PDB file of N, CA and C in Angstrom:
ATOM      1  N   MET A   1       9.175 -15.132   9.974  1.00  0.00           N
ATOM      2  CA  MET A   1       8.703 -14.231   8.936  1.00  0.00           C
ATOM      3  C   MET A   1       7.458 -14.814   8.274  1.00  0.00           C
ATOM      4  N   ASN A   2       6.479 -13.968   8.096  1.00  0.00           N
ATOM      5  CA  ASN A   2       5.247 -14.350   7.428  1.00  0.00           C
ATOM      6  C   ASN A   2       5.201 -13.698   6.050  1.00  0.00           C
ATOM      7  N   LYS A   3       4.408 -14.293   5.170  1.00  0.00           N
ATOM      8  CA  LYS A   3       4.253 -13.737   3.834  1.00  0.00           C
ATOM      9  C   LYS A   3       2.927 -12.980   3.782  1.00  0.00           C
ATOM     10  N   TYR A   4       2.971 -11.744   3.249  1.00  0.00           N
ATOM     11  CA  TYR A   4       1.783 -10.904   3.166  1.00  0.00           C
ATOM     12  C   TYR A   4       1.617 -10.338   1.763  1.00  0.00           C
ATOM     13  N   GLU A   5       0.366 -10.163   1.357  1.00  0.00           N
ATOM     14  CA  GLU A   5       0.046  -9.378   0.175  1.00  0.00           C
ATOM     15  C   GLU A   5      -0.540  -8.075   0.700  1.00  0.00           C
ATOM     16  N   ILE A   6       0.047  -6.963   0.297  1.00  0.00           N
ATOM     17  CA  ILE A   6      -0.381  -5.655   0.766  1.00  0.00           C
ATOM     18  C   ILE A   6      -0.800  -4.828  -0.443  1.00  0.00           C
ATOM     19  N   MET A   7      -2.046  -4.379  -0.430  1.00  0.00           N
ATOM     20  CA  MET A   7      -2.533  -3.521  -1.508  1.00  0.00           C
ATOM     21  C   MET A   7      -2.999  -2.212  -0.901  1.00  0.00           C
ATOM     22  N   PHE A   8      -2.686  -1.120  -1.586  1.00  0.00           N
ATOM     23  CA  PHE A   8      -3.207   0.168  -1.147  1.00  0.00           C
ATOM     24  C   PHE A   8      -3.576   1.017  -2.349  1.00  0.00           C
ATOM     25  N   ILE A   9      -4.491   1.953  -2.118  1.00  0.00           N
ATOM     26  CA  ILE A   9      -4.999   2.817  -3.177  1.00  0.00           C
ATOM     27  C   ILE A   9      -4.659   4.256  -2.815  1.00  0.00           C
ATOM     28  N   VAL A  10      -3.966   4.935  -3.724  1.00  0.00           N
ATOM     29  CA  VAL A  10      -3.558   6.330  -3.517  1.00  0.00           C
ATOM     30  C   VAL A  10      -4.576   7.248  -4.195  1.00  0.00           C
ATOM     31  N   ARG A  11      -4.835   8.376  -3.557  1.00  0.00           N
ATOM     32  CA  ARG A  11      -5.790   9.369  -4.068  1.00  0.00           C
ATOM     33  C   ARG A  11      -5.416   9.801  -5.486  1.00  0.00           C
ATOM     34  N   PRO A  12      -6.405   9.983  -6.368  1.00  0.00           N
ATOM     35  CA  PRO A  12      -6.112  10.356  -7.757  1.00  0.00           C
ATOM     36  C   PRO A  12      -5.925  11.855  -7.978  1.00  0.00           C
ATOM     37  N   ASP A  13      -6.188  12.689  -6.994  1.00  0.00           N
ATOM     38  CA  ASP A  13      -6.137  14.144  -7.194  1.00  0.00           C
ATOM     39  C   ASP A  13      -4.761  14.746  -6.898  1.00  0.00           C
ATOM     40  N   MET A  14      -3.739  13.914  -6.814  1.00  0.00           N
ATOM     41  CA  MET A  14      -2.390  14.375  -6.514  1.00  0.00           C
ATOM     42  C   MET A  14      -1.547  14.380  -7.792  1.00  0.00           C
ATOM     43  N   GLU A  15      -0.446  15.132  -7.759  1.00  0.00           N
ATOM     44  CA  GLU A  15       0.501  15.135  -8.879  1.00  0.00           C
ATOM     45  C   GLU A  15       1.144  13.752  -8.993  1.00  0.00           C
ATOM     46  N   GLU A  16       1.594  13.395 -10.191  1.00  0.00           N
ATOM     47  CA  GLU A  16       2.212  12.086 -10.413  1.00  0.00           C
ATOM     48  C   GLU A  16       3.421  11.863  -9.508  1.00  0.00           C
ATOM     49  N   ALA A  17       4.231  12.898  -9.316  1.00  0.00           N
ATOM     50  CA  ALA A  17       5.415  12.795  -8.457  1.00  0.00           C
ATOM     51  C   ALA A  17       5.008  12.531  -7.003  1.00  0.00           C
ATOM     52  N   GLU A  18       3.930  13.159  -6.553  1.00  0.00           N
ATOM     53  CA  GLU A  18       3.445  12.946  -5.182  1.00  0.00           C
ATOM     54  C   GLU A  18       2.936  11.518  -4.993  1.00  0.00           C
ATOM     55  N   ILE A  19       2.276  11.001  -6.021  1.00  0.00           N
ATOM     56  CA  ILE A  19       1.746   9.632  -5.961  1.00  0.00           C
ATOM     57  C   ILE A  19       2.903   8.645  -5.824  1.00  0.00           C
ATOM     58  N   LYS A  20       3.942   8.823  -6.642  1.00  0.00           N
ATOM     59  CA  LYS A  20       5.115   7.944  -6.572  1.00  0.00           C
ATOM     60  C   LYS A  20       5.818   8.088  -5.227  1.00  0.00           C
ATOM     61  N   LYS A  21       5.902   9.314  -4.715  1.00  0.00           N
ATOM     62  CA  LYS A  21       6.535   9.559  -3.425  1.00  0.00           C
ATOM     63  C   LYS A  21       5.765   8.853  -2.302  1.00  0.00           C
ATOM     64  N   THR A  22       4.441   8.885  -2.378  1.00  0.00           N
ATOM     65  CA  THR A  22       3.603   8.200  -1.387  1.00  0.00           C
ATOM     66  C   THR A  22       3.861   6.698  -1.420  1.00  0.00           C
ATOM     67  N   ALA A  23       3.901   6.122  -2.624  1.00  0.00           N
ATOM     68  CA  ALA A  23       4.159   4.689  -2.766  1.00  0.00           C
ATOM     69  C   ALA A  23       5.544   4.335  -2.225  1.00  0.00           C
ATOM     70  N   GLU A  24       6.540   5.168  -2.521  1.00  0.00           N
ATOM     71  CA  GLU A  24       7.899   4.922  -2.021  1.00  0.00           C
ATOM     72  C   GLU A  24       7.964   5.029  -0.495  1.00  0.00           C
ATOM     73  N   SER A  25       7.216   5.972   0.075  1.00  0.00           N
ATOM     74  CA  SER A  25       7.235   6.105   1.536  1.00  0.00           C
ATOM     75  C   SER A  25       6.594   4.890   2.199  1.00  0.00           C
ATOM     76  N   MET A  26       5.564   4.320   1.562  1.00  0.00           N
ATOM     77  CA  MET A  26       4.940   3.119   2.118  1.00  0.00           C
ATOM     78  C   MET A  26       5.886   1.918   1.976  1.00  0.00           C
ATOM     79  N   LYS A  27       6.619   1.872   0.873  1.00  0.00           N
ATOM     80  CA  LYS A  27       7.615   0.815   0.672  1.00  0.00           C
ATOM     81  C   LYS A  27       8.730   0.934   1.709  1.00  0.00           C
ATOM     82  N   LYS A  28       9.118   2.177   2.025  1.00  0.00           N
ATOM     83  CA  LYS A  28      10.173   2.426   3.007  1.00  0.00           C
ATOM     84  C   LYS A  28       9.774   1.931   4.403  1.00  0.00           C
ATOM     85  N   VAL A  29       8.500   2.044   4.736  1.00  0.00           N
ATOM     86  CA  VAL A  29       8.017   1.514   6.026  1.00  0.00           C
ATOM     87  C   VAL A  29       8.319   0.021   6.103  1.00  0.00           C
ATOM     88  N   LEU A  30       8.108  -0.674   4.993  1.00  0.00           N
ATOM     89  CA  LEU A  30       8.371  -2.120   4.954  1.00  0.00           C
ATOM     90  C   LEU A  30       9.862  -2.421   5.021  1.00  0.00           C
ATOM     91  N   THR A  31      10.652  -1.725   4.202  1.00  0.00           N
ATOM     92  CA  THR A  31      12.088  -2.017   4.170  1.00  0.00           C
ATOM     93  C   THR A  31      12.777  -1.605   5.471  1.00  0.00           C
ATOM     94  N   ASP A  32      12.315  -0.532   6.101  1.00  0.00           N
ATOM     95  CA  ASP A  32      12.870  -0.135   7.402  1.00  0.00           C
ATOM     96  C   ASP A  32      12.593  -1.190   8.466  1.00  0.00           C
ATOM     97  N   GLY A  33      11.485  -1.921   8.288  1.00  0.00           N
ATOM     98  CA  GLY A  33      11.137  -2.992   9.223  1.00  0.00           C
ATOM     99  C   GLY A  33      11.751  -4.324   8.846  1.00  0.00           C
ATOM    100  N   LYS A  34      12.743  -4.302   7.951  1.00  0.00           N
ATOM    101  CA  LYS A  34      13.483  -5.498   7.524  1.00  0.00           C
ATOM    102  C   LYS A  34      12.625  -6.482   6.720  1.00  0.00           C
ATOM    103  N   ALA A  35      11.583  -5.961   6.064  1.00  0.00           N
ATOM    104  CA  ALA A  35      10.756  -6.835   5.231  1.00  0.00           C
ATOM    105  C   ALA A  35      11.480  -7.112   3.912  1.00  0.00           C
ATOM    106  N   LYS A  36      11.289  -8.308   3.394  1.00  0.00           N
ATOM    107  CA  LYS A  36      11.856  -8.680   2.102  1.00  0.00           C
ATOM    108  C   LYS A  36      10.740  -8.543   1.067  1.00  0.00           C
ATOM    109  N   ILE A  37      10.935  -7.637   0.108  1.00  0.00           N
ATOM    110  CA  ILE A  37       9.909  -7.414  -0.909  1.00  0.00           C
ATOM    111  C   ILE A  37      10.126  -8.418  -2.038  1.00  0.00           C
ATOM    112  N   ILE A  38       9.149  -9.308  -2.200  1.00  0.00           N
ATOM    113  CA  ILE A  38       9.222 -10.366  -3.204  1.00  0.00           C
ATOM    114  C   ILE A  38       8.719  -9.860  -4.548  1.00  0.00           C
ATOM    115  N   GLU A  39       7.619  -9.117  -4.501  1.00  0.00           N
ATOM    116  CA  GLU A  39       7.025  -8.598  -5.729  1.00  0.00           C
ATOM    117  C   GLU A  39       6.462  -7.207  -5.456  1.00  0.00           C
ATOM    118  N   GLU A  40       6.604  -6.347  -6.440  1.00  0.00           N
ATOM    119  CA  GLU A  40       6.112  -4.972  -6.325  1.00  0.00           C
ATOM    120  C   GLU A  40       5.423  -4.639  -7.636  1.00  0.00           C
ATOM    121  N   LYS A  41       4.173  -4.207  -7.574  1.00  0.00           N
ATOM    122  CA  LYS A  41       3.434  -3.954  -8.799  1.00  0.00           C
ATOM    123  C   LYS A  41       2.651  -2.645  -8.700  1.00  0.00           C
ATOM    124  N   ASN A  42       2.913  -1.745  -9.664  1.00  0.00           N
ATOM    125  CA  ASN A  42       2.125  -0.531  -9.802  1.00  0.00           C
ATOM    126  C   ASN A  42       1.031  -0.875 -10.807  1.00  0.00           C
ATOM    127  N   MET A  43      -0.200  -0.966 -10.341  1.00  0.00           N
ATOM    128  CA  MET A  43      -1.295  -1.398 -11.202  1.00  0.00           C
ATOM    129  C   MET A  43      -1.964  -0.224 -11.919  1.00  0.00           C
ATOM    130  N   GLY A  44      -1.493   0.983 -11.655  1.00  0.00           N
ATOM    131  CA  GLY A  44      -2.006   2.157 -12.358  1.00  0.00           C
ATOM    132  C   GLY A  44      -3.339   2.646 -11.819  1.00  0.00           C
ATOM    133  N   GLN A  45      -3.914   3.595 -12.547  1.00  0.00           N
ATOM    134  CA  GLN A  45      -5.191   4.170 -12.125  1.00  0.00           C
ATOM    135  C   GLN A  45      -6.321   3.265 -12.573  1.00  0.00           C
ATOM    136  N   ARG A  46      -7.200   2.965 -11.621  1.00  0.00           N
ATOM    137  CA  ARG A  46      -8.340   2.096 -11.903  1.00  0.00           C
ATOM    138  C   ARG A  46      -9.600   2.675 -11.279  1.00  0.00           C
ATOM    139  N   GLU A  47     -10.712   2.249 -11.816  1.00  0.00           N
ATOM    140  CA  GLU A  47     -11.987   2.688 -11.276  1.00  0.00           C
ATOM    141  C   GLU A  47     -12.285   1.913  -9.995  1.00  0.00           C
ATOM    142  N   LEU A  48     -12.820   2.609  -9.005  1.00  0.00           N
ATOM    143  CA  LEU A  48     -13.185   1.969  -7.744  1.00  0.00           C
ATOM    144  C   LEU A  48     -14.548   1.305  -7.880  1.00  0.00           C
ATOM    145  N   ALA A  49     -14.791   0.277  -7.086  1.00  0.00           N
ATOM    146  CA  ALA A  49     -16.076  -0.411  -7.108  1.00  0.00           C
ATOM    147  C   ALA A  49     -17.187   0.495  -6.575  1.00  0.00           C
ATOM    148  N   TYR A  50     -16.820   1.381  -5.664  1.00  0.00           N
ATOM    149  CA  TYR A  50     -17.770   2.347  -5.111  1.00  0.00           C
ATOM    150  C   TYR A  50     -16.994   3.607  -4.735  1.00  0.00           C
ATOM    151  N   GLU A  51     -17.705   4.691  -4.585  1.00  0.00           N
ATOM    152  CA  GLU A  51     -17.079   5.969  -4.287  1.00  0.00           C
ATOM    153  C   GLU A  51     -16.464   5.973  -2.886  1.00  0.00           C
ATOM    154  N   ILE A  52     -15.224   6.458  -2.786  1.00  0.00           N
ATOM    155  CA  ILE A  52     -14.535   6.592  -1.497  1.00  0.00           C
ATOM    156  C   ILE A  52     -14.086   8.041  -1.391  1.00  0.00           C
ATOM    157  N   GLN A  53     -14.525   8.726  -0.357  1.00  0.00           N
ATOM    158  CA  GLN A  53     -14.162  10.139  -0.145  1.00  0.00           C
ATOM    159  C   GLN A  53     -14.389  10.982  -1.397  1.00  0.00           C
ATOM    160  N   LYS A  54     -15.502  10.738  -2.071  1.00  0.00           N
ATOM    161  CA  LYS A  54     -15.891  11.461  -3.298  1.00  0.00           C
ATOM    162  C   LYS A  54     -14.993  11.164  -4.504  1.00  0.00           C
ATOM    163  N   PHE A  55     -14.188  10.115  -4.451  1.00  0.00           N
ATOM    164  CA  PHE A  55     -13.350   9.709  -5.589  1.00  0.00           C
ATOM    165  C   PHE A  55     -13.918   8.451  -6.226  1.00  0.00           C
ATOM    166  N   ASN A  56     -13.855   8.389  -7.558  1.00  0.00           N
ATOM    167  CA  ASN A  56     -14.312   7.210  -8.291  1.00  0.00           C
ATOM    168  C   ASN A  56     -13.152   6.383  -8.835  1.00  0.00           C
ATOM    169  N   THR A  57     -11.918   6.939  -8.777  1.00  0.00           N
ATOM    170  CA  THR A  57     -10.740   6.217  -9.239  1.00  0.00           C
ATOM    171  C   THR A  57      -9.630   6.358  -8.202  1.00  0.00           C
ATOM    172  N   GLY A  58      -8.599   5.548  -8.366  1.00  0.00           N
ATOM    173  CA  GLY A  58      -7.439   5.618  -7.487  1.00  0.00           C
ATOM    174  C   GLY A  58      -6.282   4.870  -8.118  1.00  0.00           C
ATOM    175  N   TYR A  59      -5.088   5.120  -7.606  1.00  0.00           N
ATOM    176  CA  TYR A  59      -3.880   4.444  -8.096  1.00  0.00           C
ATOM    177  C   TYR A  59      -3.583   3.248  -7.196  1.00  0.00           C
ATOM    178  N   TYR A  60      -3.599   2.057  -7.777  1.00  0.00           N
ATOM    179  CA  TYR A  60      -3.440   0.813  -7.034  1.00  0.00           C
ATOM    180  C   TYR A  60      -1.979   0.370  -7.010  1.00  0.00           C
ATOM    181  N   TYR A  61      -1.534  -0.081  -5.846  1.00  0.00           N
ATOM    182  CA  TYR A  61      -0.195  -0.639  -5.673  1.00  0.00           C
ATOM    183  C   TYR A  61      -0.317  -1.955  -4.921  1.00  0.00           C
ATOM    184  N   LEU A  62       0.498  -2.937  -5.320  1.00  0.00           N
ATOM    185  CA  LEU A  62       0.502  -4.247  -4.675  1.00  0.00           C
ATOM    186  C   LEU A  62       1.936  -4.626  -4.317  1.00  0.00           C
ATOM    187  N   PHE A  63       2.133  -5.031  -3.071  1.00  0.00           N
ATOM    188  CA  PHE A  63       3.416  -5.551  -2.620  1.00  0.00           C
ATOM    189  C   PHE A  63       3.201  -6.953  -2.080  1.00  0.00           C
ATOM    190  N   VAL A  64       4.078  -7.870  -2.440  1.00  0.00           N
ATOM    191  CA  VAL A  64       4.112  -9.196  -1.812  1.00  0.00           C
ATOM    192  C   VAL A  64       5.412  -9.200  -1.023  1.00  0.00           C
ATOM    193  N   VAL A  65       5.306  -9.397   0.287  1.00  0.00           N
ATOM    194  CA  VAL A  65       6.473  -9.263   1.152  1.00  0.00           C
ATOM    195  C   VAL A  65       6.562 -10.406   2.160  1.00  0.00           C
ATOM    196  N   GLU A  66       7.778 -10.634   2.622  1.00  0.00           N
ATOM    197  CA  GLU A  66       8.010 -11.479   3.794  1.00  0.00           C
ATOM    198  C   GLU A  66       8.394 -10.523   4.901  1.00  0.00           C
ATOM    199  N   ALA A  67       7.585 -10.515   5.962  1.00  0.00           N
ATOM    200  CA  ALA A  67       7.811  -9.531   7.018  1.00  0.00           C
ATOM    201  C   ALA A  67       7.418 -10.112   8.366  1.00  0.00           C
ATOM    202  N   SER A  68       7.915  -9.481   9.400  1.00  0.00           N
ATOM    203  CA  SER A  68       7.533  -9.874  10.756  1.00  0.00           C
ATOM    204  C   SER A  68       6.157  -9.289  11.073  1.00  0.00           C
ATOM    205  N   LYS A  69       5.538  -9.808  12.099  1.00  0.00           N
ATOM    206  CA  LYS A  69       4.234  -9.306  12.545  1.00  0.00           C
ATOM    207  C   LYS A  69       4.339  -7.825  12.923  1.00  0.00           C
ATOM    208  N   GLU A  70       5.450  -7.439  13.547  1.00  0.00           N
ATOM    209  CA  GLU A  70       5.641  -6.049  13.969  1.00  0.00           C
ATOM    210  C   GLU A  70       5.705  -5.106  12.763  1.00  0.00           C
ATOM    211  N   THR A  71       6.375  -5.536  11.699  1.00  0.00           N
ATOM    212  CA  THR A  71       6.469  -4.717  10.488  1.00  0.00           C
ATOM    213  C   THR A  71       5.083  -4.570   9.853  1.00  0.00           C
ATOM    214  N   GLU A  72       4.330  -5.648   9.813  1.00  0.00           N
ATOM    215  CA  GLU A  72       2.967  -5.603   9.266  1.00  0.00           C
ATOM    216  C   GLU A  72       2.107  -4.643  10.082  1.00  0.00           C
ATOM    217  N   GLN A  73       2.229  -4.681  11.395  1.00  0.00           N
ATOM    218  CA  GLN A  73       1.456  -3.797  12.265  1.00  0.00           C
ATOM    219  C   GLN A  73       1.870  -2.338  12.072  1.00  0.00           C
ATOM    220  N   GLU A  74       3.160  -2.082  11.885  1.00  0.00           N
ATOM    221  CA  GLU A  74       3.641  -0.724  11.667  1.00  0.00           C
ATOM    222  C   GLU A  74       3.133  -0.181  10.325  1.00  0.00           C
ATOM    223  N   PHE A  75       3.141  -1.015   9.292  1.00  0.00           N
ATOM    224  CA  PHE A  75       2.603  -0.595   7.994  1.00  0.00           C
ATOM    225  C   PHE A  75       1.133  -0.231   8.139  1.00  0.00           C
ATOM    226  N   ASN A  76       0.390  -1.062   8.833  1.00  0.00           N
ATOM    227  CA  ASN A  76      -1.037  -0.825   9.051  1.00  0.00           C
ATOM    228  C   ASN A  76      -1.251   0.504   9.784  1.00  0.00           C
ATOM    229  N   ARG A  77      -0.452   0.772  10.790  1.00  0.00           N
ATOM    230  CA  ARG A  77      -0.565   2.006  11.571  1.00  0.00           C
ATOM    231  C   ARG A  77      -0.298   3.232  10.687  1.00  0.00           C
ATOM    232  N   VAL A  78       0.787   3.171   9.917  1.00  0.00           N
ATOM    233  CA  VAL A  78       1.160   4.294   9.048  1.00  0.00           C
ATOM    234  C   VAL A  78       0.106   4.508   7.958  1.00  0.00           C
ATOM    235  N   ALA A  79      -0.400   3.422   7.389  1.00  0.00           N
ATOM    236  CA  ALA A  79      -1.403   3.520   6.322  1.00  0.00           C
ATOM    237  C   ALA A  79      -2.691   4.166   6.827  1.00  0.00           C
ATOM    238  N   ARG A  80      -3.055   3.882   8.064  1.00  0.00           N
ATOM    239  CA  ARG A  80      -4.276   4.472   8.635  1.00  0.00           C
ATOM    240  C   ARG A  80      -4.184   5.983   8.780  1.00  0.00           C
ATOM    241  N   ILE A  81      -2.994   6.485   9.098  1.00  0.00           N
ATOM    242  CA  ILE A  81      -2.867   7.926   9.329  1.00  0.00           C
ATOM    243  C   ILE A  81      -2.407   8.698   8.091  1.00  0.00           C
ATOM    244  N   ASN A  82      -2.050   7.990   7.023  1.00  0.00           N
ATOM    245  CA  ASN A  82      -1.600   8.640   5.789  1.00  0.00           C
ATOM    246  C   ASN A  82      -2.824   9.105   5.005  1.00  0.00           C
ATOM    247  N   GLU A  83      -2.995  10.408   4.904  1.00  0.00           N
ATOM    248  CA  GLU A  83      -4.168  10.966   4.237  1.00  0.00           C
ATOM    249  C   GLU A  83      -4.125  10.829   2.721  1.00  0.00           C
ATOM    250  N   SER A  84      -2.991  10.424   2.170  1.00  0.00           N
ATOM    251  CA  SER A  84      -2.876  10.220   0.723  1.00  0.00           C
ATOM    252  C   SER A  84      -3.477   8.889   0.286  1.00  0.00           C
ATOM    253  N   LEU A  85      -3.704   7.981   1.239  1.00  0.00           N
ATOM    254  CA  LEU A  85      -4.264   6.669   0.907  1.00  0.00           C
ATOM    255  C   LEU A  85      -5.774   6.669   1.104  1.00  0.00           C
ATOM    256  N   LEU A  86      -6.479   6.095   0.129  1.00  0.00           N
ATOM    257  CA  LEU A  86      -7.926   5.938   0.262  1.00  0.00           C
ATOM    258  C   LEU A  86      -8.251   4.678   1.055  1.00  0.00           C
ATOM    259  N   ARG A  87      -7.569   3.583   0.729  1.00  0.00           N
ATOM    260  CA  ARG A  87      -7.787   2.299   1.396  1.00  0.00           C
ATOM    261  C   ARG A  87      -6.496   1.495   1.362  1.00  0.00           C
ATOM    262  N   HIS A  88      -6.407   0.534   2.285  1.00  0.00           N
ATOM    263  CA  HIS A  88      -5.316  -0.438   2.235  1.00  0.00           C
ATOM    264  C   HIS A  88      -5.835  -1.766   2.756  1.00  0.00           C
ATOM    265  N   LEU A  89      -5.180  -2.826   2.333  1.00  0.00           N
ATOM    266  CA  LEU A  89      -5.573  -4.165   2.745  1.00  0.00           C
ATOM    267  C   LEU A  89      -4.322  -5.011   2.884  1.00  0.00           C
ATOM    268  N   ILE A  90      -4.232  -5.730   4.004  1.00  0.00           N
ATOM    269  CA  ILE A  90      -3.107  -6.624   4.248  1.00  0.00           C
ATOM    270  C   ILE A  90      -3.663  -8.026   4.438  1.00  0.00           C
ATOM    271  N   VAL A  91      -3.183  -8.951   3.607  1.00  0.00           N
ATOM    272  CA  VAL A  91      -3.646 -10.331   3.675  1.00  0.00           C
ATOM    273  C   VAL A  91      -2.443 -11.232   3.935  1.00  0.00           C
ATOM    274  N   LYS A  92      -2.554 -12.046   4.983  1.00  0.00           N
ATOM    275  CA  LYS A  92      -1.492 -13.007   5.274  1.00  0.00           C
ATOM    276  C   LYS A  92      -1.679 -14.200   4.342  1.00  0.00           C
ATOM    277  N   VAL A  93      -0.603 -14.584   3.648  1.00  0.00           N
ATOM    278  CA  VAL A  93      -0.664 -15.662   2.669  1.00  0.00           C
ATOM    279  C   VAL A  93      -0.145 -16.932   3.328  1.00  0.00           C
ATOM    280  N   GLU A  94      -0.965 -17.957   3.319  1.00  0.00           N
ATOM    281  CA  GLU A  94      -0.546 -19.261   3.858  1.00  0.00           C
ATOM    282  C   GLU A  94       0.181 -20.021   2.762  1.00  0.00           C
ATOM    283  N   GLU A  95       1.264 -20.664   3.129  1.00  0.00           N
ATOM    284  CA  GLU A  95       2.031 -21.414   2.122  1.00  0.00           C
ATOM    285  C   GLU A  95       1.922 -22.891   2.351  1.00  0.00           C
TER     286      GLU A  95
END
């Protein structure tokens, strides 16, 4: 198991319930892959450094997880095709 920091940004033009549902579905991808979630942080709506898809803000979420390489790859695959996400980033943390 490797340790990863996973951050993703959800589109700001959605209803609050949809935003939470999107975050939960991304969390479910991790838990279905047997990842252990160490830390989960909803960082709220923040301004983006630059415009993405005509949006200047987004809802930031951060997960710190212990997961297998396969789970990390599956999260990456799902995040790429999820149209509710503006961006995502997965960083492997060395201990």
